[in-house]
Amino acid sequence: MLKRFMCLVLILCTLTPVAVMEEAEISPRAQLIEDYLHVAKELYEEANGRLKRAHYAGDIYVCKNFTTHVFSEVADSYRMAEFPDAALYVPDNLPKDECTTHVYGCEWKDISPEEGNPFIVAASFRYDASLSKSENEKLAREFLMQAQRGDYFQMAAKYYYGTGAHSMIITGDYNPDTDTILWCDSNMKGERKDGIRYGKVQFDAEKDIDWFVDAFCRKKYGATLYRLREDIVFAE
């Protein structure tokens, strides 16, 4: 009886590491998220609190450039299963002259997955003038509560640090216990020196969602959460 028991223990000990390894396996989609967030964290750590130039069109520390740069640094290793020949990239913002119902900065260009857009619209908010301010705020809060780690967040807003379009990446799921979200970005905060704009890089920054609601829940303003498609695979 003891022998049988010991044999069973040995078998379980042999199988357990395999089971643990299987549980620890990460999907290509999850790995892509970890990869571009890792690049963002490296840039944050390299900046070490110093402001980085965010003035010229090619500067990677301009807010939109930052979010597209961290993705492009790792995108070549991934594809979409449905469109394996399409190289992945983050679409540009919808041009100002095409923003007919709301101000510039609420959304991206509508690029198809066949062309390389691996994101879907997970949720969106546009201020509805037919509703009251409080009704809009309720919808804006419900919108932000859907934020997940790895989502790209695009908003047109007016807040303490400035007015206009801003791009960031969510680094942690919405936390219902604290009513907050975590994110990374560049140039939300910054200053000008000798006429040149410099921005601060942030990682795992945290704010109450009402701070964001106050920023983008305004007439003609809004925001969009973009989420990676489920069929992300490793490039062959």
Foldseek 3Di string as FASTA:
>chain_A
DVVVVVVVVVVCVVCVVVVVVVVPDDALQVVLLVQLLVVLVVVQVVCVFPWAFQFDPPGCQPWVSVSFVSNVVPQVFKAFPVQQVAGATDAAWDDQVPLDQFGTWAGGPPDDVNNHYQKDFPAKAAADPVDDLVVSLVVLLVRQLQDAAFKKKIWQWQADQGGGIGIWGWHHHQDPVQQKTFIWTWASHWDDDPNTITIRTDGRDMDHSVRVSNIANDHRIIMTIMDGDPRMHTRD
